[in-house]
N, C-alpha and C. Protein backbone atom coordinates (compact mmCIF):
# COMPACT_ATOMS: atom_id res chain seq x y z
N MET A 1 79.89 156.87 29.07
CA MET A 1 80.34 155.48 28.99
C MET A 1 81.41 155.25 30.06
N THR A 2 81.25 154.15 30.78
CA THR A 2 82.24 153.83 31.81
C THR A 2 83.55 153.39 31.16
N GLN A 3 84.60 153.43 31.93
CA GLN A 3 85.90 153.02 31.40
C GLN A 3 85.87 151.55 30.97
N LEU A 4 85.21 150.70 31.77
CA LEU A 4 85.10 149.28 31.43
C LEU A 4 84.32 149.08 30.14
N ALA A 5 83.22 149.79 29.98
CA ALA A 5 82.42 149.69 28.75
C ALA A 5 83.25 150.14 27.54
N GLY A 6 84.06 151.16 27.72
CA GLY A 6 84.93 151.63 26.65
C GLY A 6 85.97 150.59 26.25
N LEU A 7 86.54 149.91 27.25
CA LEU A 7 87.50 148.84 26.97
C LEU A 7 86.82 147.69 26.23
N TYR A 8 85.61 147.35 26.66
CA TYR A 8 84.86 146.28 26.00
C TYR A 8 84.59 146.65 24.55
N GLN A 9 84.18 147.88 24.31
CA GLN A 9 83.90 148.33 22.95
C GLN A 9 85.17 148.27 22.10
N GLN A 10 86.30 148.66 22.65
CA GLN A 10 87.57 148.60 21.93
C GLN A 10 87.91 147.16 21.54
N MET A 11 87.69 146.21 22.46
CA MET A 11 88.00 144.82 22.16
C MET A 11 87.11 144.29 21.04
N ILE A 12 85.84 144.62 21.09
CA ILE A 12 84.91 144.18 20.04
C ILE A 12 85.33 144.76 18.69
N LEU A 13 85.67 146.03 18.65
CA LEU A 13 86.10 146.65 17.40
C LEU A 13 87.41 146.05 16.90
N ASP A 14 88.32 145.73 17.82
CA ASP A 14 89.59 145.12 17.42
C ASP A 14 89.35 143.74 16.78
N HIS A 15 88.44 142.96 17.36
CA HIS A 15 88.16 141.64 16.80
C HIS A 15 87.36 141.74 15.51
N LYS A 16 86.64 142.83 15.28
CA LYS A 16 85.97 143.04 14.00
C LYS A 16 86.99 143.39 12.93
N LYS A 17 87.89 144.30 13.26
CA LYS A 17 88.89 144.77 12.28
C LYS A 17 89.98 143.73 12.03
N HIS A 18 90.33 142.97 13.06
CA HIS A 18 91.42 141.99 12.98
C HIS A 18 90.95 140.66 13.57
N PRO A 19 90.00 140.00 12.90
CA PRO A 19 89.46 138.76 13.47
C PRO A 19 90.52 137.67 13.56
N ARG A 20 90.47 136.93 14.66
CA ARG A 20 91.38 135.82 14.87
C ARG A 20 90.74 134.55 14.28
N ASN A 21 91.58 133.64 13.83
CA ASN A 21 91.14 132.34 13.33
C ASN A 21 90.12 132.48 12.20
N CYS A 22 90.33 133.46 11.36
CA CYS A 22 89.43 133.71 10.24
C CYS A 22 90.05 133.08 8.98
N GLY A 23 89.29 132.26 8.31
CA GLY A 23 89.76 131.63 7.08
C GLY A 23 89.33 130.17 7.03
N GLU A 24 89.57 129.56 5.92
CA GLU A 24 89.22 128.16 5.71
C GLU A 24 90.09 127.25 6.58
N LEU A 25 89.58 126.07 6.86
CA LEU A 25 90.33 125.04 7.58
C LEU A 25 90.28 123.80 6.71
N SER A 26 91.37 123.53 6.04
CA SER A 26 91.38 122.45 5.04
C SER A 26 91.17 121.07 5.66
N ALA A 27 91.58 120.88 6.89
CA ALA A 27 91.45 119.56 7.53
C ALA A 27 90.23 119.48 8.44
N ALA A 28 89.18 120.24 8.13
CA ALA A 28 87.98 120.27 8.98
C ALA A 28 87.29 118.91 8.99
N THR A 29 86.84 118.51 10.16
CA THR A 29 86.05 117.28 10.30
C THR A 29 84.57 117.59 10.42
N ALA A 30 84.24 118.86 10.64
CA ALA A 30 82.84 119.29 10.73
C ALA A 30 82.76 120.75 10.32
N HIS A 31 81.60 121.10 9.82
CA HIS A 31 81.36 122.49 9.45
C HIS A 31 79.86 122.76 9.45
N ALA A 32 79.52 124.03 9.52
CA ALA A 32 78.11 124.44 9.44
C ALA A 32 78.05 125.90 9.01
N GLU A 33 76.90 126.26 8.48
CA GLU A 33 76.64 127.62 8.05
C GLU A 33 75.55 128.21 8.93
N GLY A 34 75.76 129.43 9.37
CA GLY A 34 74.75 130.14 10.15
C GLY A 34 74.34 131.41 9.43
N TYR A 35 73.06 131.72 9.48
CA TYR A 35 72.53 132.87 8.77
C TYR A 35 71.53 133.61 9.64
N ASN A 36 71.68 134.91 9.73
CA ASN A 36 70.75 135.77 10.44
C ASN A 36 69.94 136.53 9.39
N ARG A 37 68.72 136.08 9.16
CA ARG A 37 67.88 136.69 8.13
C ARG A 37 67.50 138.12 8.43
N ILE A 38 67.52 138.51 9.68
CA ILE A 38 67.13 139.87 10.04
C ILE A 38 68.15 140.89 9.54
N CYS A 39 69.43 140.59 9.71
CA CYS A 39 70.45 141.57 9.33
C CYS A 39 71.35 141.11 8.18
N GLY A 40 71.26 139.84 7.81
CA GLY A 40 72.05 139.34 6.70
C GLY A 40 73.41 138.77 7.08
N ASP A 41 73.74 138.72 8.37
CA ASP A 41 75.00 138.12 8.80
C ASP A 41 75.04 136.65 8.38
N ARG A 42 76.18 136.21 7.88
CA ARG A 42 76.37 134.81 7.47
C ARG A 42 77.74 134.37 7.96
N ILE A 43 77.76 133.29 8.72
CA ILE A 43 78.99 132.76 9.31
C ILE A 43 79.12 131.28 8.95
N PHE A 44 80.32 130.88 8.58
CA PHE A 44 80.64 129.48 8.34
C PHE A 44 81.66 129.06 9.39
N ILE A 45 81.37 128.01 10.11
CA ILE A 45 82.29 127.49 11.13
C ILE A 45 82.92 126.21 10.58
N HIS A 46 84.23 126.12 10.68
CA HIS A 46 85.01 124.97 10.25
C HIS A 46 85.80 124.50 11.46
N LEU A 47 85.67 123.24 11.83
CA LEU A 47 86.44 122.77 12.98
C LEU A 47 86.98 121.37 12.75
N ARG A 48 88.03 121.10 13.48
CA ARG A 48 88.62 119.78 13.47
C ARG A 48 88.56 119.24 14.89
N VAL A 49 87.81 118.15 15.02
CA VAL A 49 87.69 117.48 16.31
C VAL A 49 88.64 116.29 16.28
N GLN A 50 89.45 116.17 17.30
CA GLN A 50 90.42 115.08 17.39
C GLN A 50 90.48 114.61 18.83
N ASP A 51 90.33 113.32 19.03
CA ASP A 51 90.38 112.72 20.37
C ASP A 51 89.39 113.39 21.33
N GLY A 52 88.20 113.73 20.83
CA GLY A 52 87.17 114.30 21.68
C GLY A 52 87.38 115.75 22.06
N CYS A 53 88.30 116.43 21.37
CA CYS A 53 88.60 117.84 21.67
C CYS A 53 88.53 118.67 20.40
N VAL A 54 88.28 119.95 20.56
CA VAL A 54 88.33 120.89 19.44
C VAL A 54 89.81 121.19 19.20
N ALA A 55 90.38 120.51 18.22
CA ALA A 55 91.81 120.66 17.93
C ALA A 55 92.08 121.97 17.19
N ASP A 56 91.15 122.36 16.31
CA ASP A 56 91.30 123.62 15.58
C ASP A 56 89.91 124.09 15.17
N ILE A 57 89.77 125.39 15.05
CA ILE A 57 88.49 125.98 14.66
C ILE A 57 88.76 127.30 13.96
N ARG A 58 88.03 127.51 12.88
CA ARG A 58 88.15 128.76 12.13
C ARG A 58 86.77 129.17 11.64
N PHE A 59 86.66 130.38 11.19
CA PHE A 59 85.39 130.84 10.65
C PHE A 59 85.62 131.71 9.43
N THR A 60 84.62 131.77 8.58
CA THR A 60 84.58 132.68 7.45
C THR A 60 83.19 133.29 7.43
N GLY A 61 83.01 134.29 6.62
CA GLY A 61 81.70 134.88 6.47
C GLY A 61 81.75 136.38 6.53
N ASP A 62 80.57 136.95 6.59
CA ASP A 62 80.43 138.39 6.59
C ASP A 62 79.36 138.78 7.60
N GLY A 63 79.69 139.69 8.47
CA GLY A 63 78.71 140.09 9.48
C GLY A 63 79.06 141.41 10.12
N CYS A 64 78.18 141.84 10.98
CA CYS A 64 78.38 143.09 11.71
C CYS A 64 79.53 142.93 12.72
N ALA A 65 79.85 144.02 13.39
CA ALA A 65 80.95 144.00 14.37
C ALA A 65 80.68 142.99 15.47
N ILE A 66 79.44 142.93 15.96
CA ILE A 66 79.13 142.02 17.06
C ILE A 66 79.27 140.56 16.61
N SER A 67 78.73 140.18 15.47
CA SER A 67 78.80 138.77 15.05
C SER A 67 80.23 138.37 14.70
N THR A 68 80.98 139.25 14.06
CA THR A 68 82.36 138.92 13.71
C THR A 68 83.23 138.82 14.96
N ALA A 69 83.10 139.78 15.86
CA ALA A 69 83.89 139.74 17.10
C ALA A 69 83.52 138.51 17.93
N SER A 70 82.25 138.18 17.96
CA SER A 70 81.81 137.01 18.71
C SER A 70 82.42 135.73 18.13
N ALA A 71 82.42 135.61 16.81
CA ALA A 71 83.02 134.44 16.16
C ALA A 71 84.52 134.38 16.44
N SER A 72 85.18 135.52 16.37
CA SER A 72 86.62 135.58 16.62
C SER A 72 86.96 135.16 18.05
N LEU A 73 86.26 135.74 19.02
CA LEU A 73 86.53 135.40 20.42
C LEU A 73 86.11 133.97 20.74
N MET A 74 85.04 133.50 20.09
CA MET A 74 84.60 132.12 20.31
C MET A 74 85.68 131.14 19.84
N THR A 75 86.27 131.38 18.68
CA THR A 75 87.29 130.45 18.18
C THR A 75 88.49 130.41 19.13
N GLU A 76 88.86 131.56 19.67
CA GLU A 76 89.96 131.57 20.64
C GLU A 76 89.60 130.75 21.88
N ALA A 77 88.38 130.91 22.35
CA ALA A 77 87.96 130.23 23.58
C ALA A 77 87.78 128.73 23.39
N MET A 78 87.44 128.29 22.20
CA MET A 78 87.10 126.88 21.97
C MET A 78 88.30 125.96 21.73
N LYS A 79 89.38 126.51 21.26
CA LYS A 79 90.54 125.65 20.94
C LYS A 79 91.00 124.89 22.18
N GLY A 80 91.09 123.57 22.01
CA GLY A 80 91.56 122.72 23.09
C GLY A 80 90.48 122.24 24.04
N LYS A 81 89.27 122.73 23.89
CA LYS A 81 88.18 122.31 24.77
C LYS A 81 87.68 120.92 24.38
N THR A 82 87.28 120.14 25.39
CA THR A 82 86.61 118.87 25.10
C THR A 82 85.24 119.22 24.54
N LEU A 83 84.58 118.25 23.92
CA LEU A 83 83.25 118.51 23.38
C LEU A 83 82.26 118.88 24.48
N GLN A 84 82.41 118.26 25.64
CA GLN A 84 81.55 118.59 26.78
C GLN A 84 81.81 120.02 27.26
N GLU A 85 83.08 120.40 27.34
CA GLU A 85 83.42 121.77 27.74
C GLU A 85 82.91 122.78 26.72
N ALA A 86 82.99 122.42 25.44
CA ALA A 86 82.50 123.31 24.38
C ALA A 86 80.99 123.54 24.53
N GLU A 87 80.24 122.47 24.74
CA GLU A 87 78.80 122.60 24.93
C GLU A 87 78.48 123.44 26.16
N GLN A 88 79.22 123.27 27.23
CA GLN A 88 78.99 124.06 28.45
C GLN A 88 79.30 125.53 28.20
N LEU A 89 80.36 125.80 27.45
CA LEU A 89 80.72 127.19 27.16
C LEU A 89 79.64 127.85 26.30
N ILE A 90 79.06 127.12 25.37
CA ILE A 90 77.96 127.65 24.56
C ILE A 90 76.79 128.02 25.48
N THR A 91 76.45 127.14 26.39
CA THR A 91 75.36 127.40 27.35
C THR A 91 75.68 128.61 28.22
N ASP A 92 76.90 128.68 28.72
CA ASP A 92 77.30 129.80 29.58
C ASP A 92 77.27 131.13 28.83
N PHE A 93 77.70 131.11 27.57
CA PHE A 93 77.70 132.34 26.77
C PHE A 93 76.27 132.81 26.52
N GLN A 94 75.39 131.87 26.21
CA GLN A 94 74.00 132.24 26.00
C GLN A 94 73.39 132.80 27.29
N GLN A 95 73.76 132.23 28.41
CA GLN A 95 73.28 132.73 29.70
C GLN A 95 73.77 134.16 29.93
N LEU A 96 75.02 134.44 29.56
CA LEU A 96 75.57 135.79 29.69
C LEU A 96 74.73 136.80 28.91
N LEU A 97 74.29 136.40 27.72
CA LEU A 97 73.57 137.31 26.84
C LEU A 97 72.09 137.45 27.19
N THR A 98 71.53 136.50 27.89
CA THR A 98 70.08 136.49 28.05
C THR A 98 69.58 136.59 29.48
N THR A 99 70.47 136.55 30.45
CA THR A 99 70.03 136.64 31.85
C THR A 99 70.93 137.60 32.61
N ASP A 100 70.53 137.91 33.81
CA ASP A 100 71.36 138.75 34.69
C ASP A 100 72.34 137.91 35.51
N ASN A 101 72.28 136.59 35.36
CA ASN A 101 73.17 135.68 36.09
C ASN A 101 74.38 135.36 35.21
N GLU A 102 75.43 136.15 35.36
CA GLU A 102 76.62 135.95 34.54
C GLU A 102 77.45 134.80 35.06
N PRO A 103 77.75 133.82 34.21
CA PRO A 103 78.66 132.74 34.61
C PRO A 103 80.03 133.32 34.96
N ALA A 104 80.70 132.71 35.90
CA ALA A 104 81.94 133.26 36.43
C ALA A 104 83.15 133.13 35.50
N GLU A 105 83.29 132.05 34.81
CA GLU A 105 84.52 131.75 34.09
C GLU A 105 84.46 132.01 32.59
N LEU A 106 84.10 133.21 32.18
CA LEU A 106 84.02 133.49 30.74
C LEU A 106 85.20 134.29 30.21
N GLY A 107 86.04 134.80 31.07
CA GLY A 107 87.22 135.54 30.61
C GLY A 107 86.86 136.67 29.66
N LYS A 108 87.55 136.75 28.52
CA LYS A 108 87.33 137.82 27.54
C LYS A 108 85.91 137.87 27.01
N LEU A 109 85.21 136.74 27.05
CA LEU A 109 83.85 136.69 26.51
C LEU A 109 82.90 137.61 27.27
N ALA A 110 83.29 138.03 28.46
CA ALA A 110 82.47 138.95 29.25
C ALA A 110 82.26 140.28 28.55
N VAL A 111 83.05 140.58 27.52
CA VAL A 111 82.87 141.83 26.79
C VAL A 111 81.47 141.93 26.18
N PHE A 112 80.80 140.81 26.03
CA PHE A 112 79.47 140.81 25.42
C PHE A 112 78.34 140.96 26.44
N SER A 113 78.66 141.18 27.70
CA SER A 113 77.63 141.27 28.72
C SER A 113 76.64 142.40 28.45
N GLY A 114 77.07 143.48 27.86
CA GLY A 114 76.18 144.60 27.56
C GLY A 114 75.21 144.34 26.43
N VAL A 115 75.44 143.29 25.66
CA VAL A 115 74.58 142.99 24.52
C VAL A 115 73.16 142.66 24.97
N ARG A 116 73.01 142.12 26.17
CA ARG A 116 71.66 141.74 26.63
C ARG A 116 70.72 142.94 26.69
N GLN A 117 71.27 144.14 26.75
CA GLN A 117 70.45 145.36 26.75
C GLN A 117 69.84 145.64 25.38
N TYR A 118 70.31 144.96 24.36
CA TYR A 118 69.86 145.17 22.98
C TYR A 118 69.42 143.83 22.39
N PRO A 119 68.18 143.43 22.65
CA PRO A 119 67.71 142.09 22.25
C PRO A 119 67.95 141.75 20.78
N MET A 120 67.87 142.71 19.88
CA MET A 120 68.11 142.41 18.46
C MET A 120 69.58 142.04 18.21
N ARG A 121 70.48 142.48 19.06
CA ARG A 121 71.91 142.20 18.89
C ARG A 121 72.30 140.84 19.48
N VAL A 122 71.44 140.29 20.35
CA VAL A 122 71.74 138.98 20.95
C VAL A 122 71.87 137.93 19.85
N LYS A 123 71.01 137.99 18.83
CA LYS A 123 71.10 137.03 17.72
C LYS A 123 72.41 137.19 16.96
N CYS A 124 72.88 138.42 16.85
CA CYS A 124 74.18 138.65 16.18
C CYS A 124 75.30 137.99 16.97
N ALA A 125 75.28 138.19 18.28
CA ALA A 125 76.33 137.63 19.14
C ALA A 125 76.27 136.11 19.20
N MET A 126 75.06 135.54 19.14
CA MET A 126 74.89 134.08 19.25
C MET A 126 75.05 133.33 17.94
N LEU A 127 75.07 134.03 16.81
CA LEU A 127 75.09 133.35 15.52
C LEU A 127 76.23 132.33 15.39
N ALA A 128 77.44 132.72 15.67
CA ALA A 128 78.58 131.81 15.56
C ALA A 128 78.46 130.64 16.53
N TRP A 129 77.93 130.91 17.71
CA TRP A 129 77.79 129.89 18.75
C TRP A 129 76.76 128.83 18.36
N HIS A 130 75.61 129.29 17.84
CA HIS A 130 74.61 128.34 17.36
C HIS A 130 75.13 127.55 16.17
N THR A 131 75.93 128.21 15.34
CA THR A 131 76.51 127.55 14.17
C THR A 131 77.51 126.49 14.62
N LEU A 132 78.33 126.81 15.61
CA LEU A 132 79.26 125.82 16.16
C LEU A 132 78.48 124.64 16.73
N GLN A 133 77.42 124.92 17.45
CA GLN A 133 76.62 123.85 18.03
C GLN A 133 76.06 122.94 16.93
N SER A 134 75.64 123.51 15.83
CA SER A 134 75.17 122.71 14.69
C SER A 134 76.30 121.86 14.12
N ALA A 135 77.48 122.44 13.99
CA ALA A 135 78.62 121.68 13.47
C ALA A 135 78.96 120.52 14.39
N LEU A 136 78.90 120.75 15.70
CA LEU A 136 79.20 119.68 16.65
C LEU A 136 78.18 118.55 16.58
N LYS A 137 76.96 118.89 16.15
CA LYS A 137 75.90 117.88 16.02
C LYS A 137 75.78 117.36 14.59
N ASN A 138 76.76 117.70 13.74
CA ASN A 138 76.78 117.30 12.33
C ASN A 138 75.58 117.78 11.55
N SER A 139 75.05 118.93 11.93
CA SER A 139 73.99 119.58 11.17
C SER A 139 74.68 120.62 10.30
N GLN A 140 74.22 120.79 9.08
CA GLN A 140 74.95 121.63 8.15
C GLN A 140 74.64 123.12 8.22
N SER A 141 73.46 123.50 8.74
CA SER A 141 73.13 124.91 8.77
C SER A 141 72.19 125.24 9.91
N VAL A 142 72.17 126.52 10.24
CA VAL A 142 71.31 127.04 11.30
C VAL A 142 70.92 128.46 10.93
N SER A 143 69.72 128.83 11.29
CA SER A 143 69.25 130.19 11.12
C SER A 143 68.96 130.74 12.51
N THR A 144 69.10 132.04 12.69
CA THR A 144 68.79 132.62 13.98
C THR A 144 67.32 132.42 14.31
N GLU A 145 66.50 132.21 13.31
CA GLU A 145 65.07 131.96 13.55
C GLU A 145 64.87 130.58 14.16
N ASP A 146 65.80 129.66 13.94
CA ASP A 146 65.73 128.33 14.54
C ASP A 146 65.95 128.38 16.05
N ASN A 147 66.62 129.43 16.52
CA ASN A 147 67.00 129.56 17.92
C ASN A 147 66.38 130.79 18.55
N ALA A 148 65.23 131.19 18.09
CA ALA A 148 64.59 132.43 18.56
C ALA A 148 64.28 132.36 20.04
């Protein structure tokens, strides 16, 4: 394992063990539930949109290290983004996981670049992102099978 891959693995494990922005959001203006039927991961996204921006975002649920770390890092990245920026970041993250053309401005989210080598894990990493996208569109739930 390269030193960079080791650092990436450490970050993912840290976000699994100590997820950021985990818990209910009492003042949520939108929410959605995401479910991965293949592995049983279930994520709930709660967000507050104010003045066209993601003012706050949190998640709850139960999932593997990849899905939990992805949700944790996603919430950090989304705070303060406009809705347009949020949609672009979702697209860029999916591109990171599914193509060899890595978007330039992903910061910490680049830790998931190795996931593309494991197609079954891509759904784990994308679960929170698809769930956020559903919340932004006022849809209440999403399954990984909806986004196959």
